[in-house]
Amino acid sequence: ELPAGSLAFTLCGVPVIYRLAAAGCLRVLLEDGKSRTIPGTRLGPELSRSLFLRDKSIRKIVVDIPDEFVG
């Protein structure tokens, strides 16, 4: 289930959930049970590489999009 104001899809086999929020931030849930919170809206080279190589180290990505980005 997704709350109102959110959008979900998969990218390279990884679920990605976009949500409206007060500030931009990424939360990456990893296969080892840990999570990483990244300010802003970009994964960075290391996590992007893992995603595109489909190495299964990323379980889910939650992207908080600032309300100001929505018209």
PDB file of N, CA and C in Angstrom:
ATOM      1  N   GLU A   1       0.826  -1.188   0.000  1.00  0.00           N
ATOM      2  CA  GLU A   1       0.000   0.000   0.000  1.00  0.00           C
ATOM      3  C   GLU A   1       0.870   1.251   0.000  1.00  0.00           C
ATOM      4  N   LEU A   2       0.398   2.236  -0.706  1.00  0.00           N
ATOM      5  CA  LEU A   2       1.101   3.516  -0.777  1.00  0.00           C
ATOM      6  C   LEU A   2       0.204   4.615  -0.226  1.00  0.00           C
ATOM      7  N   PRO A   3       0.787   5.517   0.553  1.00  0.00           N
ATOM      8  CA  PRO A   3      -0.016   6.642   1.027  1.00  0.00           C
ATOM      9  C   PRO A   3      -0.321   7.612  -0.112  1.00  0.00           C
ATOM     10  N   ALA A   4      -1.334   8.442   0.079  1.00  0.00           N
ATOM     11  CA  ALA A   4      -1.675   9.470  -0.913  1.00  0.00           C
ATOM     12  C   ALA A   4      -0.474  10.372  -1.138  1.00  0.00           C
ATOM     13  N   GLY A   5      -0.283  10.788  -2.386  1.00  0.00           N
ATOM     14  CA  GLY A   5       0.836  11.664  -2.714  1.00  0.00           C
ATOM     15  C   GLY A   5       2.128  10.929  -2.957  1.00  0.00           C
ATOM     16  N   SER A   6       2.064   9.619  -3.161  1.00  0.00           N
ATOM     17  CA  SER A   6       3.288   8.855  -3.427  1.00  0.00           C
ATOM     18  C   SER A   6       3.162   8.118  -4.752  1.00  0.00           C
ATOM     19  N   LEU A   7       4.290   7.649  -5.235  1.00  0.00           N
ATOM     20  CA  LEU A   7       4.379   6.953  -6.512  1.00  0.00           C
ATOM     21  C   LEU A   7       5.421   5.863  -6.356  1.00  0.00           C
ATOM     22  N   ALA A   8       5.170   4.687  -6.908  1.00  0.00           N
ATOM     23  CA  ALA A   8       6.136   3.594  -6.795  1.00  0.00           C
ATOM     24  C   ALA A   8       6.351   2.936  -8.154  1.00  0.00           C
ATOM     25  N   PHE A   9       7.568   2.471  -8.366  1.00  0.00           N
ATOM     26  CA  PHE A   9       7.929   1.728  -9.568  1.00  0.00           C
ATOM     27  C   PHE A   9       9.193   0.938  -9.241  1.00  0.00           C
ATOM     28  N   THR A  10       9.635   0.111 -10.156  1.00  0.00           N
ATOM     29  CA  THR A  10      10.907  -0.581  -9.958  1.00  0.00           C
ATOM     30  C   THR A  10      11.923  -0.081 -10.965  1.00  0.00           C
ATOM     31  N   LEU A  11      13.164  -0.044 -10.539  1.00  0.00           N
ATOM     32  CA  LEU A  11      14.276   0.340 -11.397  1.00  0.00           C
ATOM     33  C   LEU A  11      15.363  -0.701 -11.208  1.00  0.00           C
ATOM     34  N   CYS A  12      15.708  -1.394 -12.261  1.00  0.00           N
ATOM     35  CA  CYS A  12      16.707  -2.474 -12.195  1.00  0.00           C
ATOM     36  C   CYS A  12      16.332  -3.497 -11.136  1.00  0.00           C
ATOM     37  N   GLY A  13      15.031  -3.756 -10.996  1.00  0.00           N
ATOM     38  CA  GLY A  13      14.557  -4.759 -10.055  1.00  0.00           C
ATOM     39  C   GLY A  13      14.437  -4.278  -8.619  1.00  0.00           C
ATOM     40  N   VAL A  14      14.680  -2.992  -8.371  1.00  0.00           N
ATOM     41  CA  VAL A  14      14.619  -2.435  -7.013  1.00  0.00           C
ATOM     42  C   VAL A  14      13.386  -1.541  -6.906  1.00  0.00           C
ATOM     43  N   PRO A  15      12.520  -1.775  -5.897  1.00  0.00           N
ATOM     44  CA  PRO A  15      11.381  -0.878  -5.704  1.00  0.00           C
ATOM     45  C   PRO A  15      11.862   0.526  -5.328  1.00  0.00           C
ATOM     46  N   VAL A  16      11.268   1.531  -5.975  1.00  0.00           N
ATOM     47  CA  VAL A  16      11.571   2.929  -5.701  1.00  0.00           C
ATOM     48  C   VAL A  16      10.247   3.610  -5.363  1.00  0.00           C
ATOM     49  N   ILE A  17      10.202   4.272  -4.216  1.00  0.00           N
ATOM     50  CA  ILE A  17       8.992   4.950  -3.769  1.00  0.00           C
ATOM     51  C   ILE A  17       9.286   6.442  -3.657  1.00  0.00           C
ATOM     52  N   TYR A  18       8.508   7.234  -4.363  1.00  0.00           N
ATOM     53  CA  TYR A  18       8.594   8.697  -4.288  1.00  0.00           C
ATOM     54  C   TYR A  18       7.479   9.184  -3.380  1.00  0.00           C
ATOM     55  N   ARG A  19       7.822  10.097  -2.458  1.00  0.00           N
ATOM     56  CA  ARG A  19       6.828  10.679  -1.559  1.00  0.00           C
ATOM     57  C   ARG A  19       7.035  12.188  -1.496  1.00  0.00           C
ATOM     58  N   LEU A  20       5.948  12.919  -1.302  1.00  0.00           N
ATOM     59  CA  LEU A  20       6.057  14.356  -1.074  1.00  0.00           C
ATOM     60  C   LEU A  20       6.468  14.578   0.377  1.00  0.00           C
ATOM     61  N   ALA A  21       7.366  15.525   0.600  1.00  0.00           N
ATOM     62  CA  ALA A  21       7.867  15.796   1.948  1.00  0.00           C
ATOM     63  C   ALA A  21       8.301  17.245   2.038  1.00  0.00           C
ATOM     64  N   ALA A  22       8.643  17.664   3.246  1.00  0.00           N
ATOM     65  CA  ALA A  22       9.092  19.042   3.459  1.00  0.00           C
ATOM     66  C   ALA A  22      10.482  19.276   2.863  1.00  0.00           C
ATOM     67  N   ALA A  23      11.340  18.235   2.875  1.00  0.00           N
ATOM     68  CA  ALA A  23      12.718  18.374   2.382  1.00  0.00           C
ATOM     69  C   ALA A  23      13.100  17.136   1.577  1.00  0.00           C
ATOM     70  N   GLY A  24      14.040  17.323   0.640  1.00  0.00           N
ATOM     71  CA  GLY A  24      14.508  16.212  -0.179  1.00  0.00           C
ATOM     72  C   GLY A  24      15.483  15.327   0.575  1.00  0.00           C
ATOM     73  N   CYS A  25      15.324  14.026   0.414  1.00  0.00           N
ATOM     74  CA  CYS A  25      16.176  13.068   1.111  1.00  0.00           C
ATOM     75  C   CYS A  25      15.959  11.690   0.489  1.00  0.00           C
ATOM     76  N   LEU A  26      16.989  10.863   0.517  1.00  0.00           N
ATOM     77  CA  LEU A  26      16.891   9.480   0.051  1.00  0.00           C
ATOM     78  C   LEU A  26      17.127   8.556   1.227  1.00  0.00           C
ATOM     79  N   ARG A  27      16.353   7.489   1.299  1.00  0.00           N
ATOM     80  CA  ARG A  27      16.636   6.438   2.270  1.00  0.00           C
ATOM     81  C   ARG A  27      16.807   5.158   1.468  1.00  0.00           C
ATOM     82  N   VAL A  28      17.981   4.569   1.579  1.00  0.00           N
ATOM     83  CA  VAL A  28      18.305   3.362   0.832  1.00  0.00           C
ATOM     84  C   VAL A  28      18.346   2.209   1.820  1.00  0.00           C
ATOM     85  N   LEU A  29      17.470   1.231   1.632  1.00  0.00           N
ATOM     86  CA  LEU A  29      17.459   0.047   2.487  1.00  0.00           C
ATOM     87  C   LEU A  29      18.305  -1.023   1.819  1.00  0.00           C
ATOM     88  N   LEU A  30      19.276  -1.535   2.545  1.00  0.00           N
ATOM     89  CA  LEU A  30      20.238  -2.487   2.004  1.00  0.00           C
ATOM     90  C   LEU A  30      19.862  -3.912   2.374  1.00  0.00           C
ATOM     91  N   GLU A  31      20.374  -4.863   1.634  1.00  0.00           N
ATOM     92  CA  GLU A  31      20.075  -6.273   1.855  1.00  0.00           C
ATOM     93  C   GLU A  31      20.544  -6.770   3.222  1.00  0.00           C
ATOM     94  N   ASP A  32      21.575  -6.157   3.788  1.00  0.00           N
ATOM     95  CA  ASP A  32      22.079  -6.604   5.089  1.00  0.00           C
ATOM     96  C   ASP A  32      21.239  -6.076   6.247  1.00  0.00           C
ATOM     97  N   GLY A  33      20.122  -5.383   5.942  1.00  0.00           N
ATOM     98  CA  GLY A  33      19.232  -4.878   6.971  1.00  0.00           C
ATOM     99  C   GLY A  33      19.531  -3.456   7.398  1.00  0.00           C
ATOM    100  N   LYS A  34      20.645  -2.913   6.981  1.00  0.00           N
ATOM    101  CA  LYS A  34      21.004  -1.537   7.316  1.00  0.00           C
ATOM    102  C   LYS A  34      20.327  -0.589   6.339  1.00  0.00           C
ATOM    103  N   SER A  35      20.308   0.687   6.695  1.00  0.00           N
ATOM    104  CA  SER A  35      19.797   1.696   5.776  1.00  0.00           C
ATOM    105  C   SER A  35      20.731   2.892   5.795  1.00  0.00           C
ATOM    106  N   ARG A  36      20.719   3.615   4.699  1.00  0.00           N
ATOM    107  CA  ARG A  36      21.516   4.833   4.574  1.00  0.00           C
ATOM    108  C   ARG A  36      20.586   5.969   4.213  1.00  0.00           C
ATOM    109  N   THR A  37      20.722   7.082   4.923  1.00  0.00           N
ATOM    110  CA  THR A  37      19.952   8.277   4.616  1.00  0.00           C
ATOM    111  C   THR A  37      20.897   9.286   3.984  1.00  0.00           C
ATOM    112  N   ILE A  38      20.479   9.795   2.827  1.00  0.00           N
ATOM    113  CA  ILE A  38      21.318  10.696   2.049  1.00  0.00           C
ATOM    114  C   ILE A  38      20.553  11.998   1.841  1.00  0.00           C
ATOM    115  N   PRO A  39      21.124  13.130   2.271  1.00  0.00           N
ATOM    116  CA  PRO A  39      20.450  14.408   2.011  1.00  0.00           C
ATOM    117  C   PRO A  39      20.380  14.671   0.503  1.00  0.00           C
ATOM    118  N   GLY A  40      19.338  15.341   0.070  1.00  0.00           N
ATOM    119  CA  GLY A  40      19.193  15.644  -1.347  1.00  0.00           C
ATOM    120  C   GLY A  40      18.438  14.555  -2.077  1.00  0.00           C
ATOM    121  N   THR A  41      18.612  14.523  -3.387  1.00  0.00           N
ATOM    122  CA  THR A  41      17.836  13.593  -4.214  1.00  0.00           C
ATOM    123  C   THR A  41      18.704  12.789  -5.186  1.00  0.00           C
ATOM    124  N   ARG A  42      19.979  12.588  -4.845  1.00  0.00           N
ATOM    125  CA  ARG A  42      20.879  11.831  -5.735  1.00  0.00           C
ATOM    126  C   ARG A  42      21.540  10.694  -4.974  1.00  0.00           C
ATOM    127  N   LEU A  43      21.618   9.540  -5.631  1.00  0.00           N
ATOM    128  CA  LEU A  43      22.219   8.360  -4.999  1.00  0.00           C
ATOM    129  C   LEU A  43      23.724   8.470  -4.815  1.00  0.00           C
ATOM    130  N   GLY A  44      24.393   9.055  -5.765  1.00  0.00           N
ATOM    131  CA  GLY A  44      25.847   9.085  -5.735  1.00  0.00           C
ATOM    132  C   GLY A  44      26.411   7.909  -6.519  1.00  0.00           C
ATOM    133  N   PRO A  45      27.714   7.957  -6.845  1.00  0.00           N
ATOM    134  CA  PRO A  45      28.303   6.955  -7.740  1.00  0.00           C
ATOM    135  C   PRO A  45      28.311   5.523  -7.190  1.00  0.00           C
ATOM    136  N   GLU A  46      28.609   5.343  -5.919  1.00  0.00           N
ATOM    137  CA  GLU A  46      28.711   3.988  -5.358  1.00  0.00           C
ATOM    138  C   GLU A  46      27.362   3.258  -5.376  1.00  0.00           C
ATOM    139  N   LEU A  47      26.331   3.908  -4.875  1.00  0.00           N
ATOM    140  CA  LEU A  47      25.012   3.278  -4.849  1.00  0.00           C
ATOM    141  C   LEU A  47      24.420   3.158  -6.253  1.00  0.00           C
ATOM    142  N   SER A  48      24.671   4.149  -7.115  1.00  0.00           N
ATOM    143  CA  SER A  48      24.204   4.056  -8.502  1.00  0.00           C
ATOM    144  C   SER A  48      24.816   2.849  -9.198  1.00  0.00           C
ATOM    145  N   ARG A  49      26.099   2.649  -8.979  1.00  0.00           N
ATOM    146  CA  ARG A  49      26.777   1.489  -9.576  1.00  0.00           C
ATOM    147  C   ARG A  49      26.134   0.185  -9.108  1.00  0.00           C
ATOM    148  N   SER A  50      25.882   0.084  -7.803  1.00  0.00           N
ATOM    149  CA  SER A  50      25.237  -1.122  -7.266  1.00  0.00           C
ATOM    150  C   SER A  50      23.871  -1.345  -7.890  1.00  0.00           C
ATOM    151  N   LEU A  51      23.114  -0.256  -8.044  1.00  0.00           N
ATOM    152  CA  LEU A  51      21.785  -0.357  -8.629  1.00  0.00           C
ATOM    153  C   LEU A  51      21.853  -0.846 -10.071  1.00  0.00           C
ATOM    154  N   PHE A  52      22.679  -0.197 -10.897  1.00  0.00           N
ATOM    155  CA  PHE A  52      22.729  -0.537 -12.317  1.00  0.00           C
ATOM    156  C   PHE A  52      23.426  -1.869 -12.595  1.00  0.00           C
ATOM    157  N   LEU A  53      24.312  -2.292 -11.705  1.00  0.00           N
ATOM    158  CA  LEU A  53      24.924  -3.615 -11.853  1.00  0.00           C
ATOM    159  C   LEU A  53      23.997  -4.722 -11.363  1.00  0.00           C
ATOM    160  N   ARG A  54      22.895  -4.328 -10.710  1.00  0.00           N
ATOM    161  CA  ARG A  54      21.928  -5.302 -10.180  1.00  0.00           C
ATOM    162  C   ARG A  54      22.596  -6.303  -9.246  1.00  0.00           C
ATOM    163  N   ASP A  55      23.461  -5.793  -8.377  1.00  0.00           N
ATOM    164  CA  ASP A  55      24.202  -6.693  -7.486  1.00  0.00           C
ATOM    165  C   ASP A  55      23.402  -7.127  -6.253  1.00  0.00           C
ATOM    166  N   LYS A  56      22.138  -6.709  -6.184  1.00  0.00           N
ATOM    167  CA  LYS A  56      21.194  -7.106  -5.133  1.00  0.00           C
ATOM    168  C   LYS A  56      21.562  -6.601  -3.749  1.00  0.00           C
ATOM    169  N   SER A  57      22.433  -5.605  -3.658  1.00  0.00           N
ATOM    170  CA  SER A  57      22.774  -5.054  -2.354  1.00  0.00           C
ATOM    171  C   SER A  57      21.761  -4.005  -1.895  1.00  0.00           C
ATOM    172  N   ILE A  58      20.931  -3.496  -2.821  1.00  0.00           N
ATOM    173  CA  ILE A  58      19.904  -2.512  -2.476  1.00  0.00           C
ATOM    174  C   ILE A  58      18.545  -3.199  -2.508  1.00  0.00           C
ATOM    175  N   ARG A  59      17.831  -3.118  -1.381  1.00  0.00           N
ATOM    176  CA  ARG A  59      16.520  -3.754  -1.284  1.00  0.00           C
ATOM    177  C   ARG A  59      15.394  -2.809  -1.692  1.00  0.00           C
ATOM    178  N   LYS A  60      15.512  -1.517  -1.325  1.00  0.00           N
ATOM    179  CA  LYS A  60      14.456  -0.553  -1.634  1.00  0.00           C
ATOM    180  C   LYS A  60      15.031   0.855  -1.519  1.00  0.00           C
ATOM    181  N   ILE A  61      14.479   1.772  -2.310  1.00  0.00           N
ATOM    182  CA  ILE A  61      14.864   3.183  -2.253  1.00  0.00           C
ATOM    183  C   ILE A  61      13.608   4.008  -2.010  1.00  0.00           C
ATOM    184  N   VAL A  62      13.661   4.869  -0.999  1.00  0.00           N
ATOM    185  CA  VAL A  62      12.558   5.786  -0.710  1.00  0.00           C
ATOM    186  C   VAL A  62      13.070   7.201  -0.947  1.00  0.00           C
ATOM    187  N   VAL A  63      12.406   7.918  -1.854  1.00  0.00           N
ATOM    188  CA  VAL A  63      12.823   9.266  -2.233  1.00  0.00           C
ATOM    189  C   VAL A  63      11.790  10.260  -1.732  1.00  0.00           C
ATOM    190  N   ASP A  64      12.216  11.158  -0.858  1.00  0.00           N
ATOM    191  CA  ASP A  64      11.344  12.242  -0.412  1.00  0.00           C
ATOM    192  C   ASP A  64      11.607  13.448  -1.307  1.00  0.00           C
ATOM    193  N   ILE A  65      10.563  13.901  -1.991  1.00  0.00           N
ATOM    194  CA  ILE A  65      10.635  15.028  -2.920  1.00  0.00           C
ATOM    195  C   ILE A  65      10.052  16.255  -2.214  1.00  0.00           C
ATOM    196  N   PRO A  66      10.783  17.363  -2.180  1.00  0.00           N
ATOM    197  CA  PRO A  66      10.243  18.568  -1.543  1.00  0.00           C
ATOM    198  C   PRO A  66       8.957  19.027  -2.236  1.00  0.00           C
ATOM    199  N   ASP A  67       8.006  19.437  -1.424  1.00  0.00           N
ATOM    200  CA  ASP A  67       6.711  19.934  -1.956  1.00  0.00           C
ATOM    201  C   ASP A  67       6.910  21.016  -3.001  1.00  0.00           C
ATOM    202  N   GLU A  68       7.956  21.818  -2.846  1.00  0.00           N
ATOM    203  CA  GLU A  68       8.184  22.938  -3.764  1.00  0.00           C
ATOM    204  C   GLU A  68       8.483  22.479  -5.195  1.00  0.00           C
ATOM    205  N   PHE A  69       8.875  21.215  -5.396  1.00  0.00           N
ATOM    206  CA  PHE A  69       9.155  20.698  -6.729  1.00  0.00           C
ATOM    207  C   PHE A  69       7.878  20.395  -7.502  1.00  0.00           C
ATOM    208  N   VAL A  70       6.757  20.318  -6.798  1.00  0.00           N
ATOM    209  CA  VAL A  70       5.486  19.970  -7.427  1.00  0.00           C
ATOM    210  C   VAL A  70       4.721  21.260  -7.699  1.00  0.00           C
ATOM    211  N   GLY A  71       4.287  21.399  -8.948  1.00  0.00           N
ATOM    212  CA  GLY A  71       3.625  22.646  -9.348  1.00  0.00           C
ATOM    213  C   GLY A  71       2.244  22.707  -8.943  1.00  0.00           C
TER     214      GLY A  71
END
